[in-house]
Amino acid sequence: MSDSNRTVKFDRVNPYYNGSVQMLYSVIDDPGSLVSETSMGGSVFDVGTIFDIKGSDTARAGFRHLVYRSLMDVDEWADMEPYIKEHWGEDYFQTQPIIQETLEKIKSTGLKTHHQGMLGRDEKLYATSFPQELSNLTMIKKYNIYKPESVTFLKSHLYDYEKFYGNDQFVIPLEQIVRFGVTSGSSILRKYNAQSDSGKKAYLRELGVAIELIPWQTFSAPLIDLTTKYEPEDRNISRQEALLISGIGGDLFSESLARAILASFMVHRIFNRMGLNLWDLKWEIAKDGQDLVFVDTLDTDSVRATLTCEVEGRNYIVNFNKQAMRDYYILVHDDWYAAVNKTKKEAAQTGENFTEILKRGQEQGLYPETPVVDEAFMKIQEEKYLVIKKSITDEGSGEGHKQEVADISRREVEYFLNTKNRELYQKLNAID
């Protein structure tokens, strides 16, 4: 794939898809492609768009372009093995032979993705380079999306995945979450803490972890966690169930897991160059014949990358991702957050979408209105995206970026320490 002077015309009038954080448009002369327009909007807790962060649209699209062109670039893969050994030990591949076998394959081919490039403001396509000014437009190959049918049995809500079998060129109905460690807001930590002693042991075996789960610990090797994608609410599932609902065979399924882990190593290296630490990220993959194609709208909001910052003699984890916004609502607007959780529990019993229950309760005065984000906190988030954009486009020196990242981080910690839930913030993000 190389850059050209191709100008891409797309239908802005009739969106192909209108989502909470992106719009998709049909390409006029290429029915198999779409243009993605990333918005400044943000969504947390699956409630839809409830805030806008200035500059986040171009930063997220720019990061996506950087990641996908890196995944497809054989030169980027040529020296990946030494990086993996440096961070996870010389014997990593001996204990993970399928990862080494898969790496040897992609050294000569790169990974296949749906990403075709970034559109400049002149609507010219930049496949391997960046336009002079980052835009919020990228071009992707289109894949079919099928959704499971809902089935009711004895007041239980089940989902039928039969339609995925025998089809092709579809997005596999799974989210593959690769974890380099455990964050305080991690879903696996919540699930682990909610179980009995015997349940905890069984869950650790399923994850392939030999140690107890505690916040902000790193794993000796990354693990992969699986959830549903097209059910009303994402559901953690075992690898066995994931294989059964994937619609693909066992060999291809195992290959997809190995490729997701290797792709995560690439993103880990990208953040490492920025001075940030990657904790986890998720992937969505499509089946295209016997090819596996990465198709997720990966950006800084769908990963957990952090910096450790010392304030008042304690170290704090600062999130350069959407987790910072989640923490904001949990700590500053805990009454609204409690209402979200309550309506999710009700929805799990009734099968209704929890957002409808929440909205109805708000109209009746039972739940607080969706809060507006404090300007001071929003300014900090805007500065985070600005420094990410600088890192992507290599403006200034790396050391200058690192100092800017540190300054922003300190101000966010100080902001949270001045909230009513200071102790909860320390519990979530302080490390001793």
Protein backbone atom coordinates (compact mmCIF):
# COMPACT_ATOMS: atom_id res chain seq x y z
CA MET A 1 0.00 0.00 0.00
CA SER A 2 1.44 3.36 -0.97
CA ASP A 3 0.31 6.96 -1.10
CA SER A 4 -1.27 8.39 -4.24
CA ASN A 5 -2.98 11.54 -5.32
CA ARG A 6 -6.37 9.83 -5.17
CA THR A 7 -9.18 12.17 -4.16
CA VAL A 8 -11.98 10.43 -2.29
CA LYS A 9 -15.55 11.63 -2.78
CA PHE A 10 -18.12 10.51 -0.27
CA ASP A 11 -21.78 11.12 0.49
CA ARG A 12 -21.98 13.51 3.46
CA VAL A 13 -25.73 14.08 2.97
CA ASN A 14 -26.90 10.51 3.66
CA PRO A 15 -24.72 8.87 6.32
CA TYR A 16 -24.28 5.12 6.05
CA TYR A 17 -24.14 4.97 9.85
CA ASN A 18 -24.72 7.57 12.55
CA GLY A 19 -22.97 6.49 15.76
CA SER A 20 -22.27 8.02 19.14
CA VAL A 21 -18.59 8.72 18.42
CA GLN A 22 -18.30 8.40 14.65
CA MET A 23 -20.16 8.82 11.36
CA LEU A 24 -19.72 6.53 8.38
CA TYR A 25 -20.24 7.69 4.79
CA SER A 26 -20.44 5.73 1.53
CA VAL A 27 -17.63 6.33 -0.97
CA ILE A 28 -19.29 7.42 -4.19
CA ASP A 29 -17.13 5.44 -6.66
CA ASP A 30 -16.23 2.55 -4.34
CA PRO A 31 -19.22 0.68 -2.83
CA GLY A 32 -16.91 -1.59 -0.82
CA SER A 33 -15.40 1.29 1.16
CA LEU A 34 -16.54 3.78 3.77
CA VAL A 35 -15.21 7.06 5.14
CA SER A 36 -15.17 7.29 8.92
CA GLU A 37 -15.56 10.70 10.53
CA THR A 38 -14.46 10.66 14.17
CA SER A 39 -16.38 13.06 16.39
CA MET A 40 -15.29 14.95 19.48
CA GLY A 41 -18.05 13.19 21.37
CA GLY A 42 -17.41 10.66 24.08
CA SER A 43 -19.41 7.87 25.63
CA VAL A 44 -18.89 6.06 28.94
CA PHE A 45 -20.78 3.21 30.61
CA ASP A 46 -22.57 2.53 27.27
CA VAL A 47 -24.91 5.53 27.79
CA GLY A 48 -24.17 7.22 24.45
CA THR A 49 -22.50 10.56 23.74
CA ILE A 50 -22.57 12.75 26.86
CA PHE A 51 -19.49 14.99 26.43
CA ASP A 52 -17.25 16.59 23.78
CA ILE A 53 -13.49 17.05 24.09
CA LYS A 54 -11.95 19.63 21.75
CA GLY A 55 -9.24 18.16 19.53
CA SER A 56 -10.04 14.57 20.46
CA ASP A 57 -11.43 13.83 16.99
CA THR A 58 -8.20 14.49 15.08
CA ALA A 59 -6.02 12.98 17.84
CA ARG A 60 -8.02 9.75 17.87
CA ALA A 61 -8.12 9.48 14.07
CA GLY A 62 -4.40 10.29 13.87
CA PHE A 63 -3.55 7.63 16.43
CA ARG A 64 -5.69 5.10 14.56
CA HIS A 65 -3.86 5.89 11.32
CA LEU A 66 -0.50 5.49 13.08
CA VAL A 67 -1.46 2.12 14.60
CA TYR A 68 -2.98 0.56 11.49
CA ARG A 69 -0.20 1.60 9.14
CA SER A 70 2.25 0.14 11.70
CA LEU A 71 0.33 -3.16 11.84
CA MET A 72 0.49 -3.48 8.05
CA ASP A 73 4.17 -2.48 7.75
CA VAL A 74 6.58 -5.45 7.53
CA ASP A 75 9.46 -3.17 8.51
CA GLU A 76 7.74 -2.49 11.86
CA TRP A 77 7.47 -6.24 12.48
CA ALA A 78 11.08 -7.01 11.56
CA ASP A 79 12.43 -5.97 14.97
CA MET A 80 9.40 -6.81 17.11
CA GLU A 81 10.89 -10.01 18.55
CA PRO A 82 13.73 -8.22 20.42
CA TYR A 83 11.22 -5.72 21.85
CA ILE A 84 9.01 -8.53 23.16
CA LYS A 85 11.98 -10.33 24.73
CA GLU A 86 13.22 -7.09 26.31
CA HIS A 87 9.91 -6.46 28.08
CA TRP A 88 8.60 -10.01 28.73
CA GLY A 89 11.74 -12.08 29.00
CA GLU A 90 14.07 -14.06 26.77
CA ASP A 91 12.01 -17.22 27.29
CA TYR A 92 8.62 -15.67 26.35
CA PHE A 93 8.38 -17.46 23.02
CA GLN A 94 9.39 -20.79 24.55
CA THR A 95 6.30 -20.66 26.74
CA GLN A 96 4.10 -19.21 23.97
CA PRO A 97 5.03 -21.16 20.80
CA ILE A 98 1.86 -20.20 18.90
CA ILE A 99 2.81 -16.53 19.30
CA GLN A 100 6.25 -17.13 17.77
CA GLU A 101 4.80 -19.19 14.92
CA THR A 102 2.31 -16.43 14.14
CA LEU A 103 4.99 -13.73 14.38
CA GLU A 104 7.13 -15.56 11.83
CA LYS A 105 4.17 -15.52 9.42
CA ILE A 106 3.45 -11.81 9.73
CA LYS A 107 7.09 -10.71 9.53
CA SER A 108 6.80 -11.15 5.77
CA THR A 109 3.17 -10.10 5.32
CA GLY A 110 2.21 -7.70 8.09
CA LEU A 111 -1.31 -7.86 9.47
CA LYS A 112 -4.38 -7.31 7.30
CA THR A 113 -6.65 -4.44 8.36
CA HIS A 114 -9.67 -2.62 7.01
CA HIS A 115 -7.76 0.67 7.15
CA GLN A 116 -6.98 2.29 3.80
CA GLY A 117 -5.58 5.60 5.02
CA MET A 118 -6.31 9.11 6.31
CA LEU A 119 -8.03 11.75 4.21
CA GLY A 120 -6.44 15.17 4.25
CA ARG A 121 -8.51 18.33 4.39
CA ASP A 122 -8.26 18.34 0.59
CA GLU A 123 -9.89 14.85 0.67
CA LYS A 124 -6.78 13.21 -0.80
CA LEU A 125 -5.96 9.76 0.57
CA TYR A 126 -2.75 9.29 2.57
CA ALA A 127 -2.23 5.54 2.90
CA THR A 128 1.20 5.40 4.51
CA SER A 129 2.09 9.00 5.39
CA PHE A 130 0.28 11.78 7.23
CA PRO A 131 -1.35 14.81 5.63
CA GLN A 132 0.19 18.18 6.51
CA GLU A 133 -2.59 18.68 9.06
CA LEU A 134 -4.29 15.81 10.87
CA SER A 135 -7.95 15.32 9.98
CA ASN A 136 -10.76 13.34 11.58
CA LEU A 137 -11.40 11.35 8.37
CA THR A 138 -10.15 7.86 7.60
CA MET A 139 -11.10 5.41 4.87
CA ILE A 140 -11.91 1.78 5.59
CA LYS A 141 -13.04 -1.38 3.81
CA LYS A 142 -16.63 -2.35 4.59
CA TYR A 143 -17.50 -5.68 6.25
CA ASN A 144 -20.90 -7.16 7.05
CA ILE A 145 -22.25 -6.90 10.57
CA TYR A 146 -24.70 -9.58 11.69
CA LYS A 147 -26.42 -9.56 15.05
CA PRO A 148 -27.61 -12.61 16.99
CA GLU A 149 -31.32 -13.23 17.36
CA SER A 150 -32.83 -12.86 20.83
CA VAL A 151 -34.51 -15.99 22.22
CA THR A 152 -36.61 -16.13 25.41
CA PHE A 153 -36.69 -19.27 27.52
CA LEU A 154 -38.19 -19.45 31.04
CA LYS A 155 -37.70 -15.71 31.59
CA SER A 156 -34.08 -15.97 30.43
CA HIS A 157 -32.80 -14.00 27.46
CA LEU A 158 -30.61 -16.09 25.15
CA TYR A 159 -28.90 -15.21 21.87
CA ASP A 160 -28.84 -17.37 18.74
CA TYR A 161 -25.62 -17.12 16.64
CA GLU A 162 -26.63 -19.63 13.95
CA LYS A 163 -26.52 -17.00 11.15
CA PHE A 164 -22.76 -16.57 11.57
CA TYR A 165 -22.03 -20.10 10.40
CA GLY A 166 -21.57 -20.49 6.65
CA ASN A 167 -21.28 -16.73 6.06
CA ASP A 168 -18.19 -14.76 5.03
CA GLN A 169 -16.82 -11.22 5.11
CA PHE A 170 -18.37 -10.47 8.47
CA VAL A 171 -17.16 -8.99 11.73
CA ILE A 172 -16.69 -11.80 14.24
CA PRO A 173 -19.17 -11.05 17.09
CA LEU A 174 -16.49 -10.82 19.79
CA GLU A 175 -14.33 -8.26 21.49
CA GLN A 176 -10.85 -9.61 22.13
CA ILE A 177 -9.36 -7.74 25.09
CA VAL A 178 -5.61 -8.10 25.55
CA ARG A 179 -4.41 -7.25 29.05
CA PHE A 180 -0.85 -6.48 30.11
CA GLY A 181 -1.97 -6.00 33.69
CA VAL A 182 -4.89 -5.20 35.99
CA THR A 183 -6.22 -1.67 36.37
CA SER A 184 -8.46 -0.52 39.20
CA GLY A 185 -11.39 -0.20 36.80
CA SER A 186 -10.82 -3.49 35.01
CA SER A 187 -13.84 -5.70 34.41
CA ILE A 188 -11.80 -8.82 35.23
CA LEU A 189 -10.97 -7.37 38.66
CA ARG A 190 -14.67 -6.69 39.35
CA LYS A 191 -15.60 -10.20 38.26
CA TYR A 192 -12.79 -11.72 40.31
CA ASN A 193 -13.69 -9.83 43.51
CA ALA A 194 -17.36 -10.81 43.21
CA GLN A 195 -16.64 -14.56 43.37
CA SER A 196 -16.14 -17.07 46.15
CA ASP A 197 -12.67 -18.47 46.88
CA SER A 198 -13.33 -21.50 44.69
CA GLY A 199 -14.82 -19.30 41.97
CA LYS A 200 -11.73 -17.09 42.04
CA LYS A 201 -9.46 -20.08 41.52
CA ALA A 202 -11.53 -21.31 38.59
CA TYR A 203 -11.56 -17.83 37.04
CA LEU A 204 -7.78 -17.49 37.35
CA ARG A 205 -7.38 -20.85 35.58
CA GLU A 206 -9.63 -19.62 32.77
CA LEU A 207 -7.53 -16.45 32.42
CA GLY A 208 -4.27 -18.37 32.65
CA VAL A 209 -3.03 -16.38 35.67
CA ALA A 210 -1.27 -17.94 38.65
CA ILE A 211 -1.45 -14.94 41.02
CA GLU A 212 -4.24 -13.12 42.82
CA LEU A 213 -5.65 -10.12 40.97
CA ILE A 214 -4.92 -6.75 42.58
CA PRO A 215 -5.07 -3.26 41.05
CA TRP A 216 -2.12 -1.97 39.05
CA GLN A 217 -0.16 -5.21 38.84
CA THR A 218 1.42 -6.29 35.56
CA PHE A 219 1.35 -9.83 34.20
CA SER A 220 4.46 -11.79 33.30
CA ALA A 221 2.83 -12.29 29.88
CA PRO A 222 -0.25 -10.64 28.33
CA LEU A 223 -3.52 -12.52 28.57
CA ILE A 224 -6.62 -12.36 26.41
CA ASP A 225 -10.14 -11.84 27.71
CA LEU A 226 -13.29 -12.23 25.57
CA THR A 227 -16.70 -10.57 25.55
CA THR A 228 -19.72 -10.56 23.28
CA LYS A 229 -20.02 -7.67 20.83
CA TYR A 230 -23.58 -7.45 19.51
CA GLU A 231 -25.71 -8.26 22.53
CA PRO A 232 -27.43 -5.31 24.32
CA GLU A 233 -24.65 -5.27 26.90
CA ASP A 234 -21.15 -6.75 26.54
CA ARG A 235 -20.91 -10.10 28.39
CA ASN A 236 -17.73 -11.79 29.57
CA ILE A 237 -17.54 -15.32 28.18
CA SER A 238 -15.17 -18.29 28.29
CA ARG A 239 -12.90 -19.15 25.39
CA GLN A 240 -15.03 -22.21 24.76
CA GLU A 241 -18.21 -20.15 24.41
CA ALA A 242 -16.35 -17.57 22.32
CA LEU A 243 -15.27 -20.25 19.88
CA LEU A 244 -18.83 -21.56 19.58
CA ILE A 245 -20.39 -18.17 18.82
CA SER A 246 -17.56 -16.87 16.62
CA GLY A 247 -18.80 -18.53 13.45
CA ILE A 248 -15.26 -19.66 12.53
CA GLY A 249 -13.34 -22.90 13.05
CA GLY A 250 -11.04 -23.70 15.94
CA ASP A 251 -7.76 -23.20 14.05
CA LEU A 252 -8.79 -19.79 12.72
CA PHE A 253 -10.11 -18.83 16.14
CA SER A 254 -6.78 -19.68 17.81
CA GLU A 255 -4.96 -17.75 15.09
CA SER A 256 -7.14 -14.70 15.78
CA LEU A 257 -6.18 -14.75 19.46
CA ALA A 258 -2.47 -14.97 18.66
CA ARG A 259 -2.70 -12.11 16.16
CA ALA A 260 -4.59 -9.96 18.66
CA ILE A 261 -1.78 -10.44 21.19
CA LEU A 262 0.91 -9.57 18.63
CA ALA A 263 -1.01 -6.49 17.46
CA SER A 264 -1.14 -5.43 21.11
CA PHE A 265 2.65 -5.67 21.37
CA MET A 266 2.85 -3.21 18.47
CA VAL A 267 0.54 -0.72 20.21
CA HIS A 268 2.49 -1.20 23.45
CA ARG A 269 5.66 -0.13 21.63
CA ILE A 270 3.93 2.93 20.15
CA PHE A 271 2.85 4.11 23.60
CA ASN A 272 6.24 3.26 25.05
CA ARG A 273 7.81 5.69 22.58
CA MET A 274 5.44 8.37 23.95
CA GLY A 275 6.53 7.65 27.52
CA LEU A 276 3.20 5.98 28.38
CA ASN A 277 2.42 2.48 29.64
CA LEU A 278 -0.28 0.37 27.94
CA TRP A 279 -2.45 -1.77 30.23
CA ASP A 280 -5.12 -3.15 27.93
CA LEU A 281 -6.91 -2.70 24.64
CA LYS A 282 -9.59 -4.44 22.63
CA TRP A 283 -9.75 -5.71 19.07
CA GLU A 284 -12.49 -6.57 16.64
CA ILE A 285 -11.61 -8.88 13.76
CA ALA A 286 -13.42 -9.82 10.56
CA LYS A 287 -13.41 -13.11 8.66
CA ASP A 288 -12.59 -12.65 4.98
CA GLY A 289 -12.25 -16.11 3.48
CA GLN A 290 -9.37 -17.61 5.47
CA ASP A 291 -7.98 -14.15 6.19
CA LEU A 292 -8.33 -12.39 9.52
CA VAL A 293 -8.77 -8.63 9.17
CA PHE A 294 -8.48 -6.11 12.01
CA VAL A 295 -11.51 -3.82 11.79
CA ASP A 296 -11.91 -2.06 15.12
CA THR A 297 -12.20 1.72 15.43
CA LEU A 298 -9.11 1.57 17.60
CA ASP A 299 -8.07 4.87 19.15
CA THR A 300 -6.87 6.35 22.43
CA ASP A 301 -10.39 6.00 23.88
CA SER A 302 -10.49 2.22 23.44
CA VAL A 303 -7.24 1.53 25.29
CA ARG A 304 -5.84 2.14 28.76
CA ALA A 305 -2.52 3.97 28.60
CA THR A 306 -1.16 5.69 31.70
CA LEU A 307 1.61 7.65 33.37
CA THR A 308 2.69 7.29 36.98
CA CYS A 309 2.84 10.67 38.72
CA GLU A 310 4.05 11.53 42.25
CA VAL A 311 1.93 14.06 44.21
CA GLU A 312 2.09 14.70 47.96
CA GLY A 313 4.53 11.84 48.43
CA ARG A 314 2.29 9.20 46.77
CA ASN A 315 2.33 7.74 43.29
CA TYR A 316 -0.84 8.01 41.21
CA ILE A 317 -1.86 6.42 37.95
CA VAL A 318 -3.03 9.03 35.41
CA ASN A 319 -5.11 7.77 32.49
CA PHE A 320 -4.46 9.09 28.99
CA ASN A 321 -7.64 7.48 27.76
CA LYS A 322 -11.37 7.44 28.39
CA GLN A 323 -10.90 5.94 31.86
CA ALA A 324 -10.19 9.47 33.10
CA MET A 325 -13.74 10.43 32.12
CA ARG A 326 -15.14 7.31 33.78
CA ASP A 327 -13.29 8.25 36.98
CA TYR A 328 -14.67 11.78 36.74
CA TYR A 329 -18.28 10.62 36.73
CA ILE A 330 -17.65 8.01 39.45
CA LEU A 331 -15.95 10.51 41.76
CA VAL A 332 -17.69 13.80 41.03
CA HIS A 333 -21.18 12.62 40.04
CA ASP A 334 -21.53 9.41 42.04
CA ASP A 335 -25.33 9.75 42.32
CA TRP A 336 -25.70 9.66 38.53
CA TYR A 337 -23.24 6.77 38.28
CA ALA A 338 -25.27 4.82 40.86
CA ALA A 339 -28.42 5.38 38.75
CA VAL A 340 -26.65 3.97 35.67
CA ASN A 341 -25.70 0.81 37.54
CA LYS A 342 -29.18 0.42 39.03
CA THR A 343 -30.87 0.65 35.61
CA LYS A 344 -28.40 -1.85 34.13
CA LYS A 345 -29.41 -4.38 36.77
CA GLU A 346 -33.09 -3.78 35.99
CA ALA A 347 -32.43 -4.15 32.26
CA ALA A 348 -30.70 -7.49 32.84
CA GLN A 349 -33.98 -8.79 34.31
CA THR A 350 -36.39 -7.30 31.78
CA GLY A 351 -34.40 -7.42 28.53
CA GLU A 352 -35.07 -3.70 27.93
CA ASN A 353 -32.20 -1.39 27.01
CA PHE A 354 -31.01 0.23 30.24
CA THR A 355 -30.67 3.67 28.61
CA GLU A 356 -34.43 3.72 28.06
CA ILE A 357 -35.03 2.86 31.72
CA LEU A 358 -32.58 5.58 32.78
CA LYS A 359 -34.16 8.19 30.51
CA ARG A 360 -37.66 7.35 31.74
CA GLY A 361 -36.50 7.57 35.35
CA GLN A 362 -34.87 10.95 34.71
CA GLU A 363 -38.09 12.30 33.19
CA GLN A 364 -39.96 11.13 36.30
CA GLY A 365 -37.43 12.75 38.62
CA LEU A 366 -36.27 9.40 40.01
CA TYR A 367 -32.68 9.74 38.76
CA PRO A 368 -30.40 12.77 38.40
CA GLU A 369 -29.94 14.36 34.98
CA THR A 370 -26.83 13.51 32.99
CA PRO A 371 -24.18 15.89 34.38
CA VAL A 372 -22.21 18.57 32.50
CA VAL A 373 -18.43 18.17 32.79
CA ASP A 374 -16.58 20.82 34.82
CA GLU A 375 -14.64 23.24 32.56
CA ALA A 376 -11.40 22.92 34.56
CA PHE A 377 -11.39 19.15 34.21
CA MET A 378 -12.33 19.34 30.54
CA LYS A 379 -9.37 21.65 29.86
CA ILE A 380 -7.00 19.01 31.24
CA GLN A 381 -8.48 16.38 28.90
CA GLU A 382 -8.10 18.72 25.91
CA GLU A 383 -4.42 19.16 26.73
CA LYS A 384 -3.95 15.39 26.86
CA TYR A 385 -5.20 15.01 23.29
CA LEU A 386 -3.04 17.92 22.13
CA VAL A 387 0.16 16.32 23.42
CA ILE A 388 -0.83 13.01 21.82
CA LYS A 389 -1.22 14.82 18.48
CA LYS A 390 2.22 16.35 18.89
CA SER A 391 3.69 12.90 19.54
CA ILE A 392 1.96 11.45 16.48
CA THR A 393 3.24 14.14 14.14
CA ASP A 394 6.70 14.35 15.80
CA GLU A 395 6.46 18.06 16.62
CA GLY A 396 9.16 19.23 19.02
CA SER A 397 11.42 16.95 21.08
CA GLY A 398 10.38 13.75 22.76
CA GLU A 399 11.69 14.99 26.10
CA GLY A 400 9.55 18.09 25.76
CA HIS A 401 6.50 15.92 25.24
CA LYS A 402 7.34 13.82 28.28
CA GLN A 403 7.59 16.89 30.49
CA GLU A 404 4.29 18.19 29.13
CA VAL A 405 2.69 14.82 29.84
CA ALA A 406 4.02 14.95 33.41
CA ASP A 407 2.69 18.49 33.99
CA ILE A 408 -0.77 17.60 32.70
CA SER A 409 -0.81 14.48 34.86
CA ARG A 410 0.03 16.41 38.02
CA ARG A 411 -2.83 18.85 37.46
CA GLU A 412 -5.31 16.00 36.99
CA VAL A 413 -4.20 14.30 40.22
CA GLU A 414 -4.55 17.57 42.12
CA TYR A 415 -8.02 18.06 40.64
CA PHE A 416 -9.23 14.66 41.84
CA LEU A 417 -7.64 15.06 45.27
CA ASN A 418 -9.82 18.14 45.75
CA THR A 419 -13.08 16.28 45.03
CA LYS A 420 -15.51 15.03 47.68
CA ASN A 421 -14.41 11.45 46.99
CA ARG A 422 -10.67 11.96 47.56
CA GLU A 423 -10.36 8.66 49.44
CA LEU A 424 -12.09 6.70 46.68
CA TYR A 425 -9.78 8.29 44.10
CA GLN A 426 -6.79 7.20 46.14
CA LYS A 427 -8.21 3.71 46.35
CA LEU A 428 -8.70 3.61 42.58
CA ASN A 429 -5.51 5.20 41.32
CA ALA A 430 -2.90 5.51 44.09
CA ILE A 431 -0.15 2.92 44.21
CA ASP A 432 2.22 2.40 47.11
